[in-house]
Amino acid sequence: MSNGAKAVLEGGPIDLPSRVVTITPPGTEIKVHFKNGYEHFEATPRIKDTAEGPLRVYQWTYRTAIAE
């Protein structure tokens, strides 16, 4: 079992594999590696009830590509 803080991701690609992610350390932005880039999410004041308990919601803001 992980002791890291977790968050719920909203928005972004519909095929993102996980909507509940571990964040270390908790902050205002999460960057998730996905396919050939990163999806960026920012913290909102909202809390969502999940199977893992109430978690902070992070909303998708933009995507950056990884240079090849």
C-alpha atoms as a PDB file:
ATOM      1  CA  MET A   1       0.000   0.000   0.000  1.00  0.00           C
ATOM      2  CA  SER A   2       1.368   3.434  -0.960  1.00  0.00           C
ATOM      3  CA  ASN A   3       1.705   6.202   1.616  1.00  0.00           C
ATOM      4  CA  GLY A   4       1.870   8.936  -1.053  1.00  0.00           C
ATOM      5  CA  ALA A   5      -0.896  11.466  -1.486  1.00  0.00           C
ATOM      6  CA  LYS A   6      -3.303  10.744  -4.322  1.00  0.00           C
ATOM      7  CA  ALA A   7      -5.382  12.879  -6.666  1.00  0.00           C
ATOM      8  CA  VAL A   8      -8.215  12.497  -9.181  1.00  0.00           C
ATOM      9  CA  LEU A   9      -7.533  13.685 -12.734  1.00  0.00           C
ATOM     10  CA  GLU A  10     -10.309  15.309 -14.784  1.00  0.00           C
ATOM     11  CA  GLY A  11     -10.198  16.235 -18.454  1.00  0.00           C
ATOM     12  CA  GLY A  12      -7.402  15.491 -20.895  1.00  0.00           C
ATOM     13  CA  PRO A  13      -7.253  12.433 -23.149  1.00  0.00           C
ATOM     14  CA  ILE A  14     -10.167  10.044 -22.802  1.00  0.00           C
ATOM     15  CA  ASP A  15      -7.805   7.066 -23.049  1.00  0.00           C
ATOM     16  CA  LEU A  16      -5.599   8.130 -20.128  1.00  0.00           C
ATOM     17  CA  PRO A  17      -5.002   4.803 -18.310  1.00  0.00           C
ATOM     18  CA  SER A  18      -5.557   5.994 -14.734  1.00  0.00           C
ATOM     19  CA  ARG A  19      -7.673   8.773 -13.262  1.00  0.00           C
ATOM     20  CA  VAL A  20      -6.387   8.290  -9.692  1.00  0.00           C
ATOM     21  CA  VAL A  21      -2.651   8.928  -9.398  1.00  0.00           C
ATOM     22  CA  THR A  22      -0.070   9.157  -6.629  1.00  0.00           C
ATOM     23  CA  ILE A  23       1.480  12.602  -6.264  1.00  0.00           C
ATOM     24  CA  THR A  24       4.771  13.237  -4.487  1.00  0.00           C
ATOM     25  CA  PRO A  25       5.077  15.775  -3.075  1.00  0.00           C
ATOM     26  CA  PRO A  26       1.567  17.212  -3.275  1.00  0.00           C
ATOM     27  CA  GLY A  27       1.600  20.495  -5.159  1.00  0.00           C
ATOM     28  CA  THR A  28      -0.384  22.686  -7.500  1.00  0.00           C
ATOM     29  CA  GLU A  29       0.560  20.896 -10.757  1.00  0.00           C
ATOM     30  CA  ILE A  30       0.810  17.270 -11.858  1.00  0.00           C
ATOM     31  CA  LYS A  31       2.658  16.199 -15.014  1.00  0.00           C
ATOM     32  CA  VAL A  32       1.654  12.742 -16.320  1.00  0.00           C
ATOM     33  CA  HIS A  33       3.741  10.969 -18.981  1.00  0.00           C
ATOM     34  CA  PHE A  34       1.356   9.733 -21.672  1.00  0.00           C
ATOM     35  CA  LYS A  35       2.214   8.415 -25.128  1.00  0.00           C
ATOM     36  CA  ASN A  36       4.714  10.883 -26.688  1.00  0.00           C
ATOM     37  CA  GLY A  37       4.267  13.736 -24.237  1.00  0.00           C
ATOM     38  CA  TYR A  38       3.067  14.985 -20.894  1.00  0.00           C
ATOM     39  CA  GLU A  39      -0.440  15.891 -19.773  1.00  0.00           C
ATOM     40  CA  HIS A  40      -0.503  18.767 -17.295  1.00  0.00           C
ATOM     41  CA  PHE A  41      -3.128  19.063 -14.548  1.00  0.00           C
ATOM     42  CA  GLU A  42      -3.614  21.836 -11.978  1.00  0.00           C
ATOM     43  CA  ALA A  43      -5.139  21.561  -8.516  1.00  0.00           C
ATOM     44  CA  THR A  44      -8.680  22.763  -7.978  1.00  0.00           C
ATOM     45  CA  PRO A  45     -10.415  23.456  -4.651  1.00  0.00           C
ATOM     46  CA  ARG A  46     -12.761  20.519  -5.323  1.00  0.00           C
ATOM     47  CA  ILE A  47     -12.691  17.172  -3.518  1.00  0.00           C
ATOM     48  CA  LYS A  48     -14.203  14.030  -5.052  1.00  0.00           C
ATOM     49  CA  ASP A  49     -15.321  10.914  -3.193  1.00  0.00           C
ATOM     50  CA  THR A  50     -13.607   7.845  -4.677  1.00  0.00           C
ATOM     51  CA  ALA A  51     -13.133   4.192  -3.790  1.00  0.00           C
ATOM     52  CA  GLU A  52      -9.867   5.348  -2.165  1.00  0.00           C
ATOM     53  CA  GLY A  53     -11.588   8.030  -0.096  1.00  0.00           C
ATOM     54  CA  PRO A  54     -11.977  11.776  -0.702  1.00  0.00           C
ATOM     55  CA  LEU A  55      -9.266  13.070  -3.060  1.00  0.00           C
ATOM     56  CA  ARG A  56      -8.288  16.495  -4.445  1.00  0.00           C
ATOM     57  CA  VAL A  57      -9.384  17.042  -8.079  1.00  0.00           C
ATOM     58  CA  TYR A  58      -6.768  18.161 -10.613  1.00  0.00           C
ATOM     59  CA  GLN A  59      -8.088  19.604 -13.893  1.00  0.00           C
ATOM     60  CA  TRP A  60      -6.310  19.116 -17.245  1.00  0.00           C
ATOM     61  CA  THR A  61      -4.731  22.342 -18.541  1.00  0.00           C
ATOM     62  CA  TYR A  62      -2.447  21.506 -21.482  1.00  0.00           C
ATOM     63  CA  ARG A  63      -0.164  18.971 -23.177  1.00  0.00           C
ATOM     64  CA  THR A  64       3.530  19.164 -24.027  1.00  0.00           C
ATOM     65  CA  ALA A  65       5.332  16.920 -26.533  1.00  0.00           C
ATOM     66  CA  ILE A  66       8.580  15.084 -25.889  1.00  0.00           C
ATOM     67  CA  ALA A  67      11.273  16.032 -28.412  1.00  0.00           C
ATOM     68  CA  GLU A  68      12.627  13.099 -30.378  1.00  0.00           C
END
